[in-house]
N, C-alpha and C. Protein backbone atom coordinates (compact mmCIF):
# COMPACT_ATOMS: atom_id res chain seq x y z
N ARG A 1 0.84 -1.18 0.00
CA ARG A 1 0.00 0.00 0.00
C ARG A 1 0.88 1.24 0.00
N ALA A 2 1.50 1.41 -1.13
CA ALA A 2 2.41 2.53 -1.29
C ALA A 2 2.41 2.97 -2.75
N VAL A 3 2.76 4.22 -2.98
CA VAL A 3 2.85 4.75 -4.33
C VAL A 3 4.30 5.14 -4.57
N PHE A 4 4.84 4.64 -5.67
CA PHE A 4 6.20 4.97 -6.07
C PHE A 4 6.13 5.71 -7.39
N GLU A 5 7.02 6.66 -7.57
CA GLU A 5 7.12 7.39 -8.83
C GLU A 5 8.58 7.43 -9.24
N LEU A 6 8.81 7.47 -10.55
CA LEU A 6 10.16 7.64 -11.06
C LEU A 6 10.39 9.14 -11.17
N ILE A 7 11.24 9.67 -10.31
CA ILE A 7 11.52 11.11 -10.28
C ILE A 7 13.00 11.31 -10.54
N ASP A 8 13.31 12.04 -11.60
CA ASP A 8 14.70 12.27 -11.99
C ASP A 8 15.49 10.97 -12.08
N GLY A 9 14.85 9.93 -12.63
CA GLY A 9 15.51 8.65 -12.82
C GLY A 9 15.67 7.81 -11.57
N GLU A 10 15.05 8.23 -10.47
CA GLU A 10 15.18 7.51 -9.21
C GLU A 10 13.81 7.08 -8.71
N LEU A 11 13.66 5.80 -8.34
CA LEU A 11 12.41 5.31 -7.78
C LEU A 11 12.20 5.97 -6.43
N THR A 12 11.07 6.66 -6.29
CA THR A 12 10.81 7.47 -5.11
C THR A 12 9.46 7.11 -4.51
N LEU A 13 9.45 6.86 -3.22
CA LEU A 13 8.21 6.61 -2.48
C LEU A 13 7.55 7.95 -2.21
N THR A 14 6.30 8.10 -2.71
CA THR A 14 5.64 9.40 -2.59
C THR A 14 4.41 9.39 -1.69
N GLU A 15 3.78 8.20 -1.52
CA GLU A 15 2.58 8.11 -0.68
C GLU A 15 2.52 6.76 0.01
N ILE A 16 1.95 6.75 1.21
CA ILE A 16 1.70 5.49 1.91
C ILE A 16 0.27 5.48 2.43
N ALA A 17 -0.26 4.29 2.60
CA ALA A 17 -1.64 4.14 3.08
C ALA A 17 -1.72 4.49 4.56
N PRO A 18 -2.89 4.95 5.00
CA PRO A 18 -3.09 5.24 6.42
C PRO A 18 -2.83 3.99 7.26
N GLY A 19 -2.14 4.18 8.36
CA GLY A 19 -1.87 3.08 9.28
C GLY A 19 -0.65 2.24 8.93
N VAL A 20 -0.05 2.49 7.78
CA VAL A 20 1.13 1.76 7.36
C VAL A 20 2.36 2.39 8.01
N GLU A 21 3.22 1.54 8.56
CA GLU A 21 4.46 2.04 9.15
C GLU A 21 5.55 1.93 8.09
N LEU A 22 6.15 3.04 7.76
CA LEU A 22 7.11 3.13 6.67
C LEU A 22 8.20 2.06 6.77
N GLU A 23 8.92 2.02 7.86
CA GLU A 23 10.05 1.09 8.00
C GLU A 23 9.58 -0.36 8.08
N LYS A 24 8.65 -0.63 8.99
CA LYS A 24 8.21 -2.01 9.26
C LYS A 24 7.41 -2.63 8.11
N ASP A 25 6.50 -1.86 7.54
CA ASP A 25 5.57 -2.41 6.56
C ASP A 25 6.02 -2.28 5.11
N ILE A 26 6.93 -1.38 4.83
CA ILE A 26 7.34 -1.17 3.44
C ILE A 26 8.84 -1.43 3.27
N LEU A 27 9.66 -0.61 3.88
CA LEU A 27 11.09 -0.69 3.63
C LEU A 27 11.70 -2.02 4.06
N ALA A 28 11.23 -2.60 5.14
CA ALA A 28 11.78 -3.88 5.62
C ALA A 28 11.53 -5.02 4.64
N HIS A 29 10.59 -4.86 3.72
CA HIS A 29 10.25 -5.93 2.78
C HIS A 29 10.89 -5.73 1.40
N MET A 30 11.69 -4.69 1.27
CA MET A 30 12.31 -4.40 -0.02
C MET A 30 13.76 -4.86 0.00
N ASP A 31 14.22 -5.38 -1.13
CA ASP A 31 15.60 -5.83 -1.26
C ASP A 31 16.55 -4.71 -1.66
N PHE A 32 16.02 -3.52 -1.86
CA PHE A 32 16.83 -2.38 -2.25
C PHE A 32 16.24 -1.12 -1.62
N ARG A 33 17.00 -0.08 -1.58
CA ARG A 33 16.53 1.18 -0.98
C ARG A 33 15.99 2.10 -2.08
N VAL A 34 15.01 2.86 -1.72
CA VAL A 34 14.43 3.84 -2.64
C VAL A 34 14.55 5.21 -2.00
N ALA A 35 14.42 6.22 -2.82
CA ALA A 35 14.36 7.58 -2.28
C ALA A 35 12.99 7.76 -1.64
N ILE A 36 12.93 8.57 -0.62
CA ILE A 36 11.66 8.88 0.04
C ILE A 36 11.40 10.37 -0.14
N ALA A 37 10.25 10.69 -0.70
CA ALA A 37 9.92 12.08 -0.96
C ALA A 37 9.96 12.90 0.32
N GLU A 38 10.51 14.09 0.21
CA GLU A 38 10.56 14.99 1.37
C GLU A 38 9.16 15.28 1.89
N ASP A 39 8.19 15.34 0.97
CA ASP A 39 6.81 15.62 1.35
C ASP A 39 5.96 14.34 1.27
N LEU A 40 6.48 13.23 1.81
CA LEU A 40 5.77 11.95 1.81
C LEU A 40 4.34 12.16 2.31
N LYS A 41 3.39 11.73 1.51
CA LYS A 41 1.98 11.98 1.83
C LYS A 41 1.28 10.69 2.26
N GLU A 42 0.19 10.85 2.97
CA GLU A 42 -0.66 9.72 3.32
C GLU A 42 -1.80 9.69 2.31
N MET A 43 -2.08 8.50 1.78
CA MET A 43 -3.16 8.33 0.81
C MET A 43 -4.50 8.68 1.47
N ASP A 44 -5.44 9.10 0.65
CA ASP A 44 -6.78 9.38 1.13
C ASP A 44 -7.40 8.08 1.65
N ALA A 45 -7.78 8.05 2.90
CA ALA A 45 -8.32 6.84 3.54
C ALA A 45 -9.57 6.32 2.86
N ARG A 46 -10.29 7.19 2.14
CA ARG A 46 -11.52 6.77 1.46
C ARG A 46 -11.25 5.72 0.40
N ILE A 47 -10.05 5.67 -0.11
CA ILE A 47 -9.70 4.69 -1.15
C ILE A 47 -9.90 3.27 -0.64
N PHE A 48 -9.72 3.06 0.63
CA PHE A 48 -9.72 1.72 1.21
C PHE A 48 -11.05 1.33 1.84
N ARG A 49 -12.05 2.17 1.69
CA ARG A 49 -13.38 1.86 2.23
C ARG A 49 -14.29 1.33 1.12
N ASP A 50 -15.31 0.61 1.51
CA ASP A 50 -16.25 0.06 0.53
C ASP A 50 -17.29 1.07 0.06
N GLU A 51 -17.49 2.13 0.81
CA GLU A 51 -18.54 3.09 0.44
C GLU A 51 -18.06 4.07 -0.63
N ILE A 52 -18.99 4.79 -1.19
CA ILE A 52 -18.71 5.79 -2.22
C ILE A 52 -17.82 6.87 -1.62
N MET A 53 -16.84 7.32 -2.40
CA MET A 53 -15.87 8.30 -1.90
C MET A 53 -16.46 9.71 -1.76
N GLY A 54 -17.44 10.04 -2.57
CA GLY A 54 -18.06 11.36 -2.49
C GLY A 54 -17.24 12.47 -3.13
N LEU A 55 -16.52 12.14 -4.19
CA LEU A 55 -15.68 13.13 -4.85
C LEU A 55 -16.49 14.25 -5.51
N LEU A 56 -17.66 13.92 -6.08
CA LEU A 56 -18.48 14.95 -6.72
C LEU A 56 -18.98 15.96 -5.71
N ALA A 57 -19.37 15.50 -4.54
CA ALA A 57 -19.86 16.40 -3.49
C ALA A 57 -18.75 17.33 -3.02
N GLU A 58 -17.52 16.87 -3.09
CA GLU A 58 -16.38 17.66 -2.67
C GLU A 58 -16.15 18.85 -3.60
N LYS A 59 -16.48 18.70 -4.89
CA LYS A 59 -16.29 19.75 -5.88
C LYS A 59 -17.20 20.94 -5.65
N GLU A 60 -18.34 20.71 -5.02
CA GLU A 60 -19.34 21.76 -4.86
C GLU A 60 -19.02 22.70 -3.73
């Protein structure tokens, strides 16, 4: 539950899911190190719920 992007030719971790521990849940399971974005963000928790996200209502 992480988002990686190729930034300037380097694999960079840019987002993690709510409740995920960076070191324990992601980095400890990787065989190589990646860059970590200075502004590492948490994913919108609504992504992981079964109900409608309500994005249209947010626009109004």
